[in-house]
Protein backbone atom coordinates (compact mmCIF):
# COMPACT_ATOMS: atom_id res chain seq x y z
CA ASN A 1 44.12 52.08 -91.71
CA LEU A 2 46.60 52.91 -88.94
CA ASP A 3 47.08 56.46 -90.21
CA ARG A 4 43.51 57.25 -89.14
CA LEU A 5 44.11 56.20 -85.53
CA ASN A 6 45.11 58.91 -83.13
CA ILE A 7 47.09 56.60 -80.82
CA SER A 8 50.70 55.45 -80.37
CA MET A 9 51.71 51.82 -80.98
CA GLU A 10 52.56 51.43 -77.28
CA LYS A 11 49.10 52.60 -76.23
CA LEU A 12 47.50 50.47 -78.92
CA THR A 13 49.29 47.38 -77.59
CA LYS A 14 48.03 48.06 -74.09
CA LEU A 15 44.54 48.82 -75.38
CA ASN A 16 44.43 45.51 -77.28
CA CYS A 17 45.40 43.63 -74.11
CA LEU A 18 42.84 45.50 -72.01
CA LEU A 19 40.04 44.85 -74.53
CA ILE A 20 40.76 41.12 -74.44
CA LYS A 21 41.15 41.19 -70.66
CA ARG A 22 37.67 42.74 -70.39
CA LEU A 23 36.27 40.06 -72.69
CA LEU A 24 37.90 37.21 -70.72
CA SER A 25 36.59 38.69 -67.47
CA THR A 26 33.05 37.92 -68.64
CA TYR A 27 34.03 34.23 -68.46
CA TYR A 28 36.42 34.36 -65.50
CA LYS A 29 35.48 36.66 -62.61
CA LYS A 30 38.75 36.56 -60.67
CA GLN A 31 41.89 38.55 -61.36
CA ILE A 32 43.44 38.58 -64.84
CA ILE A 33 46.83 40.28 -64.99
CA TYR A 34 48.16 42.32 -67.90
CA LYS A 35 51.89 41.58 -68.26
CA LYS A 36 53.81 43.98 -70.48
CA PRO A 37 54.18 44.08 -73.33
CA ASN A 38 51.45 41.74 -74.63
CA ASP A 39 50.39 38.87 -72.34
CA LEU A 40 47.45 38.13 -70.06
CA LEU A 41 47.90 35.86 -67.05
CA ILE A 42 45.67 33.95 -64.66
CA ASP A 43 47.35 32.62 -61.51
CA LYS A 44 50.74 33.68 -62.97
CA LYS A 45 50.13 31.48 -66.02
CA LYS A 46 49.83 32.78 -69.57
CA ILE A 47 46.34 32.47 -71.03
CA CYS A 48 46.65 34.95 -73.90
CA GLY A 49 49.25 36.65 -76.06
CA ILE A 50 48.69 39.47 -78.51
CA LEU A 51 51.05 40.39 -81.33
CA GLN A 52 50.92 43.46 -83.53
CA GLU A 53 52.62 44.16 -86.81
CA THR A 54 52.47 47.14 -89.10
CA LEU A 55 52.20 46.85 -92.85
CA ASN A 56 52.67 49.56 -95.47
CA LYS A 57 50.56 49.08 -98.56
CA PHE A 58 49.62 51.61 -101.24
CA ASN A 59 51.10 54.50 -99.22
CA LYS A 60 48.94 53.64 -96.20
CA LYS A 61 49.95 52.10 -92.90
CA TYR A 62 47.90 49.21 -91.53
CA ILE A 63 48.11 47.19 -88.36
CA ILE A 64 47.63 43.46 -88.08
CA VAL A 65 46.67 42.19 -84.64
CA GLY A 66 47.08 38.52 -83.77
CA ILE A 67 45.28 37.31 -80.66
CA GLY A 68 46.02 33.90 -79.21
CA ILE A 69 43.69 32.82 -76.41
CA ASN A 70 44.06 29.40 -74.83
CA LEU A 71 40.44 28.24 -74.70
CA ILE A 72 40.37 24.45 -74.42
CA LYS A 73 44.00 23.52 -73.83
CA SER A 74 47.31 25.19 -73.16
CA PRO A 75 50.62 24.85 -74.99
CA ASP A 76 53.69 23.36 -73.40
CA ILE A 77 56.27 26.15 -73.26
CA LYS A 78 59.60 25.42 -71.60
CA ASN A 79 60.15 27.58 -68.49
CA TYR A 80 56.80 29.37 -68.94
CA SER A 81 53.58 28.26 -67.27
CA THR A 82 50.41 28.38 -69.33
CA THR A 83 46.74 27.72 -68.69
CA TYR A 84 43.44 27.75 -70.57
CA LEU A 85 40.06 29.38 -70.04
CA GLY A 86 38.03 26.16 -70.02
CA ARG A 87 39.85 25.11 -66.86
CA PHE A 88 38.16 27.93 -64.94
CA THR A 89 34.64 27.81 -66.32
CA ASN A 90 31.82 25.32 -65.91
CA LYS A 91 30.51 25.88 -69.40
CA SER A 92 31.61 25.07 -72.90
CA ILE A 93 33.48 27.88 -74.59
CA ARG A 94 32.86 28.15 -78.30
CA LYS A 95 35.46 29.80 -80.51
CA SER A 96 32.71 31.41 -82.59
CA PHE A 97 31.30 33.18 -79.50
CA ILE A 98 34.74 34.47 -78.50
CA TYR A 99 35.40 35.60 -82.08
CA ASN A 100 32.09 37.49 -82.25
CA ASP A 101 32.71 39.10 -78.86
CA ILE A 102 36.19 40.24 -79.94
CA LYS A 103 34.81 41.62 -83.20
CA LYS A 104 32.08 43.56 -81.39
CA SER A 105 34.57 44.94 -78.84
CA TYR A 106 36.90 46.21 -81.55
CA GLU A 107 34.11 47.68 -83.65
CA LYS A 108 32.69 49.52 -80.66
CA LYS A 109 36.04 50.84 -79.43
CA PHE A 110 37.60 51.86 -82.70
CA THR A 111 34.60 53.29 -84.51
CA THR A 112 33.73 55.62 -81.66
CA LYS A 113 36.87 56.87 -79.94
CA TYR A 114 40.00 56.71 -82.04
CA ILE A 115 38.76 57.39 -85.56
């Protein structure tokens, strides 16, 4: 429930990017850049995009966060360089591990500080 969060949408967007950046940095130790408003880059190439949308339901406001991380391949986007995490690691990256890490990060951050 977004009404329970004590944070602006702009700050929430940045926080979402920084949480995912921290997670990706456990796999890739070099620099990961946060590019406003919602992208993460490695070597000036997009590796992740995060979208947020609000939804009003039953007189409550909710937020839906979509996180797209290029793990094993990267999309072909005209005039925009992309990359994928597997290119920089020597180990197999399992979607289930990433999913669980994201879930734990969000649970830890949002059950302690903003609610």
